N, C-alpha and C. Protein backbone atom coordinates (compact mmCIF):
# COMPACT_ATOMS: atom_id res chain seq x y z
N MET A 1 5.81 -20.95 -59.00
CA MET A 1 5.32 -19.54 -59.01
C MET A 1 5.99 -18.80 -57.87
N ASP A 2 6.58 -17.70 -58.23
CA ASP A 2 7.32 -16.91 -57.10
C ASP A 2 6.33 -16.08 -56.39
N MET A 3 6.77 -15.45 -55.33
CA MET A 3 5.87 -14.70 -54.46
C MET A 3 5.27 -13.51 -55.12
N ILE A 4 6.03 -12.74 -55.93
CA ILE A 4 5.50 -11.56 -56.69
C ILE A 4 4.38 -11.97 -57.64
N GLU A 5 4.64 -13.08 -58.34
CA GLU A 5 3.56 -13.52 -59.31
C GLU A 5 2.35 -13.97 -58.59
N ARG A 6 2.51 -14.74 -57.49
CA ARG A 6 1.39 -15.18 -56.65
C ARG A 6 0.54 -14.06 -56.13
N HIS A 7 1.20 -13.05 -55.56
CA HIS A 7 0.47 -11.96 -54.99
C HIS A 7 -0.10 -10.96 -56.05
N SER A 8 0.56 -10.94 -57.23
CA SER A 8 0.03 -10.18 -58.30
C SER A 8 -1.27 -10.61 -58.85
N ASN A 9 -1.46 -11.99 -58.93
CA ASN A 9 -2.66 -12.50 -59.46
C ASN A 9 -3.76 -12.90 -58.52
N ASP A 10 -3.49 -12.85 -57.32
CA ASP A 10 -4.59 -13.23 -56.26
C ASP A 10 -5.32 -12.01 -55.94
N THR A 11 -6.54 -11.95 -56.50
CA THR A 11 -7.48 -10.72 -56.27
C THR A 11 -8.20 -10.91 -54.92
N SER A 12 -8.16 -12.10 -54.35
CA SER A 12 -8.90 -12.30 -53.07
C SER A 12 -7.90 -11.93 -51.85
N ASP A 13 -6.67 -11.76 -52.09
CA ASP A 13 -5.72 -11.38 -51.11
C ASP A 13 -5.77 -9.95 -50.80
N CYS A 14 -6.03 -9.62 -49.47
CA CYS A 14 -6.21 -8.21 -49.18
C CYS A 14 -4.84 -7.62 -48.51
N SER A 15 -3.74 -8.30 -48.70
CA SER A 15 -2.57 -7.81 -48.11
C SER A 15 -2.03 -6.57 -48.74
N ILE A 16 -1.17 -5.79 -48.00
CA ILE A 16 -0.53 -4.61 -48.56
C ILE A 16 0.27 -4.98 -49.86
N LEU A 17 1.01 -6.04 -49.68
CA LEU A 17 1.81 -6.47 -50.86
C LEU A 17 0.97 -6.74 -52.09
N SER A 18 -0.12 -7.41 -51.99
CA SER A 18 -1.03 -7.66 -53.07
C SER A 18 -1.53 -6.37 -53.66
N HIS A 19 -1.96 -5.47 -52.84
CA HIS A 19 -2.49 -4.23 -53.30
C HIS A 19 -1.46 -3.46 -54.10
N LEU A 20 -0.21 -3.36 -53.54
CA LEU A 20 0.84 -2.68 -54.31
C LEU A 20 1.22 -3.29 -55.61
N LEU A 21 1.15 -4.66 -55.61
CA LEU A 21 1.55 -5.29 -56.85
C LEU A 21 0.42 -5.29 -57.92
N GLN A 22 -0.83 -5.26 -57.49
CA GLN A 22 -1.98 -5.26 -58.42
C GLN A 22 -2.14 -3.92 -59.02
N ASN A 23 -1.90 -2.86 -58.22
CA ASN A 23 -2.03 -1.52 -58.81
C ASN A 23 -0.94 -1.03 -59.59
N ARG A 24 0.25 -1.62 -59.38
CA ARG A 24 1.48 -1.37 -60.17
C ARG A 24 1.77 0.11 -60.36
N LYS A 25 1.69 0.92 -59.35
CA LYS A 25 2.09 2.30 -59.44
C LYS A 25 3.51 2.45 -58.97
N LEU A 26 3.99 1.37 -58.36
CA LEU A 26 5.41 1.33 -57.94
C LEU A 26 6.18 0.16 -58.56
N ASN A 27 7.40 0.34 -58.83
CA ASN A 27 8.16 -0.80 -59.39
C ASN A 27 8.56 -1.69 -58.18
N ASP A 28 9.06 -2.88 -58.54
CA ASP A 28 9.47 -3.89 -57.53
C ASP A 28 10.45 -3.35 -56.43
N LYS A 29 11.42 -2.55 -56.84
CA LYS A 29 12.35 -2.02 -55.83
C LYS A 29 11.61 -1.06 -54.92
N GLU A 30 10.70 -0.20 -55.41
CA GLU A 30 10.00 0.75 -54.60
C GLU A 30 9.03 0.02 -53.68
N ILE A 31 8.47 -1.05 -54.04
CA ILE A 31 7.59 -1.80 -53.22
C ILE A 31 8.39 -2.45 -52.06
N TYR A 32 9.56 -3.01 -52.43
CA TYR A 32 10.40 -3.60 -51.43
C TYR A 32 10.83 -2.62 -50.35
N ILE A 33 11.18 -1.44 -50.83
CA ILE A 33 11.69 -0.33 -49.92
C ILE A 33 10.51 0.00 -48.99
N ASN A 34 9.28 0.21 -49.51
CA ASN A 34 8.19 0.65 -48.72
C ASN A 34 7.79 -0.47 -47.68
N LEU A 35 7.76 -1.74 -48.09
CA LEU A 35 7.45 -2.84 -47.21
C LEU A 35 8.52 -2.93 -46.12
N THR A 36 9.70 -2.79 -46.41
CA THR A 36 10.74 -2.89 -45.49
C THR A 36 10.64 -1.74 -44.42
N ASP A 37 10.33 -0.52 -44.93
CA ASP A 37 10.10 0.56 -43.99
C ASP A 37 8.91 0.29 -43.03
N LEU A 38 7.84 -0.25 -43.55
CA LEU A 38 6.67 -0.62 -42.72
C LEU A 38 7.08 -1.70 -41.70
N LEU A 39 7.74 -2.67 -42.07
CA LEU A 39 8.17 -3.69 -41.12
C LEU A 39 9.08 -3.17 -40.03
N VAL A 40 10.07 -2.41 -40.42
CA VAL A 40 10.99 -1.79 -39.42
C VAL A 40 10.28 -0.89 -38.48
N ALA A 41 9.42 -0.07 -39.01
CA ALA A 41 8.58 0.93 -38.24
C ALA A 41 7.70 0.21 -37.23
N SER A 42 7.05 -0.85 -37.71
CA SER A 42 6.16 -1.67 -36.74
C SER A 42 6.94 -2.33 -35.71
N ILE A 43 8.12 -2.86 -36.03
CA ILE A 43 8.91 -3.51 -35.00
C ILE A 43 9.37 -2.53 -33.97
N ASP A 44 9.82 -1.35 -34.41
CA ASP A 44 10.31 -0.27 -33.47
C ASP A 44 9.16 0.21 -32.54
N THR A 45 7.96 0.38 -33.13
CA THR A 45 6.80 0.90 -32.40
C THR A 45 6.36 -0.17 -31.35
N THR A 46 6.32 -1.39 -31.76
CA THR A 46 5.95 -2.52 -30.81
C THR A 46 6.99 -2.66 -29.73
N ASN A 47 8.19 -2.61 -30.11
CA ASN A 47 9.31 -2.70 -29.10
C ASN A 47 9.20 -1.58 -28.10
N THR A 48 9.07 -0.40 -28.52
CA THR A 48 9.01 0.80 -27.60
C THR A 48 7.80 0.68 -26.73
N THR A 49 6.68 0.29 -27.25
CA THR A 49 5.48 0.20 -26.51
C THR A 49 5.67 -0.90 -25.42
N LEU A 50 6.21 -2.05 -25.72
CA LEU A 50 6.39 -3.09 -24.75
C LEU A 50 7.42 -2.63 -23.66
N GLN A 51 8.41 -1.91 -24.13
CA GLN A 51 9.40 -1.36 -23.07
C GLN A 51 8.68 -0.43 -22.09
N TRP A 52 7.84 0.44 -22.55
CA TRP A 52 7.13 1.29 -21.70
C TRP A 52 6.19 0.59 -20.79
N CYS A 53 5.56 -0.42 -21.39
CA CYS A 53 4.59 -1.28 -20.56
C CYS A 53 5.37 -1.93 -19.42
N LEU A 54 6.45 -2.57 -19.71
CA LEU A 54 7.27 -3.23 -18.69
C LEU A 54 7.75 -2.19 -17.69
N TYR A 55 8.18 -1.10 -18.08
CA TYR A 55 8.65 -0.02 -17.16
C TYR A 55 7.55 0.33 -16.20
N GLU A 56 6.38 0.62 -16.76
CA GLU A 56 5.21 0.99 -15.92
C GLU A 56 4.79 -0.13 -14.95
N LEU A 57 4.84 -1.37 -15.40
CA LEU A 57 4.59 -2.48 -14.51
C LEU A 57 5.55 -2.63 -13.42
N ALA A 58 6.80 -2.35 -13.69
CA ALA A 58 7.90 -2.40 -12.72
C ALA A 58 7.64 -1.34 -11.64
N CYS A 59 7.02 -0.18 -12.11
CA CYS A 59 6.74 0.84 -11.12
C CYS A 59 5.43 0.64 -10.33
N HIS A 60 4.61 -0.35 -10.78
CA HIS A 60 3.35 -0.57 -10.14
C HIS A 60 3.23 -2.07 -9.91
N PRO A 61 3.86 -2.57 -8.85
CA PRO A 61 3.84 -4.06 -8.51
C PRO A 61 2.36 -4.55 -8.28
N ALA A 62 1.54 -3.75 -7.85
CA ALA A 62 0.12 -4.24 -7.62
C ALA A 62 -0.52 -4.60 -8.95
N ALA A 63 -0.19 -3.86 -10.05
CA ALA A 63 -0.68 -4.17 -11.36
C ALA A 63 -0.10 -5.49 -11.90
N GLN A 64 1.21 -5.68 -11.63
CA GLN A 64 1.91 -6.95 -11.91
C GLN A 64 1.19 -8.09 -11.26
N ASP A 65 0.89 -7.96 -10.00
CA ASP A 65 0.17 -9.06 -9.25
C ASP A 65 -1.14 -9.30 -9.85
N THR A 66 -1.87 -8.31 -10.28
CA THR A 66 -3.22 -8.49 -10.87
C THR A 66 -3.12 -9.29 -12.19
N ILE A 67 -2.07 -8.92 -12.99
CA ILE A 67 -1.84 -9.64 -14.28
C ILE A 67 -1.50 -11.14 -14.04
N ILE A 68 -0.64 -11.32 -13.10
CA ILE A 68 -0.22 -12.69 -12.70
C ILE A 68 -1.45 -13.50 -12.25
N SER A 69 -2.27 -12.93 -11.40
CA SER A 69 -3.56 -13.64 -10.98
C SER A 69 -4.46 -13.88 -12.12
N GLU A 70 -4.59 -12.88 -13.03
CA GLU A 70 -5.45 -13.00 -14.20
C GLU A 70 -4.98 -14.22 -15.02
N VAL A 71 -3.67 -14.25 -15.29
CA VAL A 71 -3.11 -15.37 -16.12
C VAL A 71 -3.30 -16.71 -15.44
N GLU A 72 -2.99 -16.79 -14.18
CA GLU A 72 -3.14 -18.04 -13.39
C GLU A 72 -4.55 -18.54 -13.47
N MET A 73 -5.48 -17.61 -13.37
CA MET A 73 -6.96 -17.98 -13.33
C MET A 73 -7.31 -18.60 -14.70
N ILE A 74 -6.78 -17.95 -15.79
CA ILE A 74 -7.14 -18.36 -17.10
C ILE A 74 -6.48 -19.72 -17.46
N LEU A 75 -5.25 -19.90 -16.94
CA LEU A 75 -4.53 -21.07 -17.25
C LEU A 75 -5.16 -22.39 -16.62
N GLU A 76 -5.74 -22.18 -15.47
CA GLU A 76 -6.40 -23.35 -14.81
C GLU A 76 -5.58 -24.57 -14.81
N GLY A 77 -4.20 -24.42 -14.48
CA GLY A 77 -3.30 -25.49 -14.42
C GLY A 77 -2.57 -25.91 -15.65
N ARG A 78 -2.99 -25.32 -16.77
CA ARG A 78 -2.28 -25.67 -18.00
C ARG A 78 -0.91 -25.05 -18.00
N PRO A 79 0.03 -25.51 -18.86
CA PRO A 79 1.38 -25.04 -18.84
C PRO A 79 1.57 -23.69 -19.57
N SER A 80 0.67 -23.32 -20.47
CA SER A 80 0.89 -22.12 -21.26
C SER A 80 -0.53 -21.57 -21.85
N LEU A 81 -0.55 -20.39 -22.13
CA LEU A 81 -1.74 -19.79 -22.74
C LEU A 81 -1.87 -20.23 -24.17
N GLU A 82 -3.14 -20.20 -24.65
CA GLU A 82 -3.50 -20.48 -26.05
C GLU A 82 -4.02 -19.18 -26.68
N LYS A 83 -4.06 -19.24 -27.99
CA LYS A 83 -4.53 -18.05 -28.75
C LYS A 83 -6.01 -17.70 -28.26
N THR A 84 -6.76 -18.70 -28.00
CA THR A 84 -8.21 -18.41 -27.58
C THR A 84 -8.25 -17.82 -26.24
N ASP A 85 -7.13 -17.88 -25.44
CA ASP A 85 -7.17 -17.23 -24.02
C ASP A 85 -6.92 -15.71 -24.15
N LEU A 86 -6.41 -15.21 -25.21
CA LEU A 86 -5.96 -13.77 -25.29
C LEU A 86 -7.11 -12.82 -25.02
N ASP A 87 -8.33 -13.14 -25.48
CA ASP A 87 -9.42 -12.23 -25.32
C ASP A 87 -9.89 -12.17 -23.86
N LYS A 88 -9.54 -13.20 -23.04
CA LYS A 88 -9.83 -13.25 -21.61
C LYS A 88 -8.91 -12.38 -20.73
N LEU A 89 -7.81 -11.93 -21.27
CA LEU A 89 -6.86 -11.23 -20.49
C LEU A 89 -7.23 -9.68 -20.47
N GLU A 90 -8.38 -9.39 -19.78
CA GLU A 90 -8.91 -8.05 -19.80
C GLU A 90 -8.05 -6.98 -19.10
N PHE A 91 -7.42 -7.35 -17.96
CA PHE A 91 -6.58 -6.40 -17.27
C PHE A 91 -5.35 -6.11 -18.09
N LEU A 92 -4.72 -7.19 -18.51
CA LEU A 92 -3.53 -7.02 -19.41
C LEU A 92 -3.82 -6.09 -20.60
N SER A 93 -4.93 -6.44 -21.22
CA SER A 93 -5.34 -5.57 -22.32
C SER A 93 -5.51 -4.11 -21.96
N ALA A 94 -6.07 -3.87 -20.80
CA ALA A 94 -6.26 -2.52 -20.35
C ALA A 94 -4.90 -1.86 -20.05
N VAL A 95 -3.96 -2.62 -19.55
CA VAL A 95 -2.68 -2.11 -19.27
C VAL A 95 -1.97 -1.72 -20.61
N LEU A 96 -2.11 -2.58 -21.63
CA LEU A 96 -1.47 -2.22 -22.89
C LEU A 96 -2.09 -1.02 -23.53
N TRP A 97 -3.43 -0.91 -23.46
CA TRP A 97 -4.08 0.29 -24.01
C TRP A 97 -3.74 1.53 -23.30
N GLU A 98 -3.60 1.41 -21.94
CA GLU A 98 -3.19 2.61 -21.15
C GLU A 98 -1.80 2.99 -21.47
N THR A 99 -0.91 2.04 -21.72
CA THR A 99 0.44 2.35 -22.13
C THR A 99 0.49 3.09 -23.51
N LEU A 100 -0.33 2.60 -24.36
CA LEU A 100 -0.40 3.22 -25.68
C LEU A 100 -0.97 4.74 -25.51
N ARG A 101 -1.92 4.80 -24.66
CA ARG A 101 -2.52 6.18 -24.49
C ARG A 101 -1.51 7.15 -23.92
N LEU A 102 -0.74 6.67 -22.90
CA LEU A 102 0.24 7.55 -22.24
C LEU A 102 1.57 7.71 -22.92
N LYS A 103 2.01 6.76 -23.66
CA LYS A 103 3.40 6.73 -24.15
C LYS A 103 3.59 6.59 -25.65
N LEU A 104 2.53 6.46 -26.39
CA LEU A 104 2.67 6.25 -27.76
C LEU A 104 3.44 7.40 -28.49
N LYS A 105 4.41 7.10 -29.22
CA LYS A 105 5.19 8.07 -29.96
C LYS A 105 4.44 9.00 -30.80
N LEU A 106 3.45 8.36 -31.59
CA LEU A 106 2.69 9.17 -32.48
C LEU A 106 1.81 10.22 -31.81
N SER A 107 1.53 10.08 -30.49
CA SER A 107 0.66 10.99 -29.88
C SER A 107 1.33 12.37 -29.78
N ASN A 108 2.66 12.38 -29.89
CA ASN A 108 3.38 13.63 -29.79
C ASN A 108 3.29 14.43 -31.09
N LEU A 109 2.69 13.82 -32.14
CA LEU A 109 2.54 14.54 -33.39
C LEU A 109 1.20 15.43 -33.40
N PHE A 110 0.34 15.09 -32.53
CA PHE A 110 -0.91 15.78 -32.46
C PHE A 110 -1.04 16.78 -31.41
N ILE A 111 -1.56 18.00 -31.63
CA ILE A 111 -1.71 18.99 -30.63
C ILE A 111 -3.17 19.13 -30.38
N LEU A 112 -3.59 18.89 -29.17
CA LEU A 112 -5.01 19.01 -28.79
C LEU A 112 -5.26 20.33 -28.26
N ASN A 113 -6.43 20.93 -28.70
CA ASN A 113 -6.76 22.24 -28.20
C ASN A 113 -7.63 22.16 -26.97
């Protein structure tokens, strides 16, 4: 069974691909084009956000030190973080959210009164 057939028939799958295939308002080529655009746009946005975050951290060494301390505390001597550790990175999460608030490209689309 190929990917298109699998996603077309799986009503329990909530993915964008399944939704587009099950509703069939677009042909396969249009679906491919739209999914490619979504993927490229998300990569670009993620890349830009991470670049801004690293720039801001380079400008604020105390914040870098806080993140390093937070990671070291969570690691407790282990060689690397695990998925379950991600929720514990509160300061790093705050830094990422602040970067999004200050630098997100989409924020330029909205005019606040």
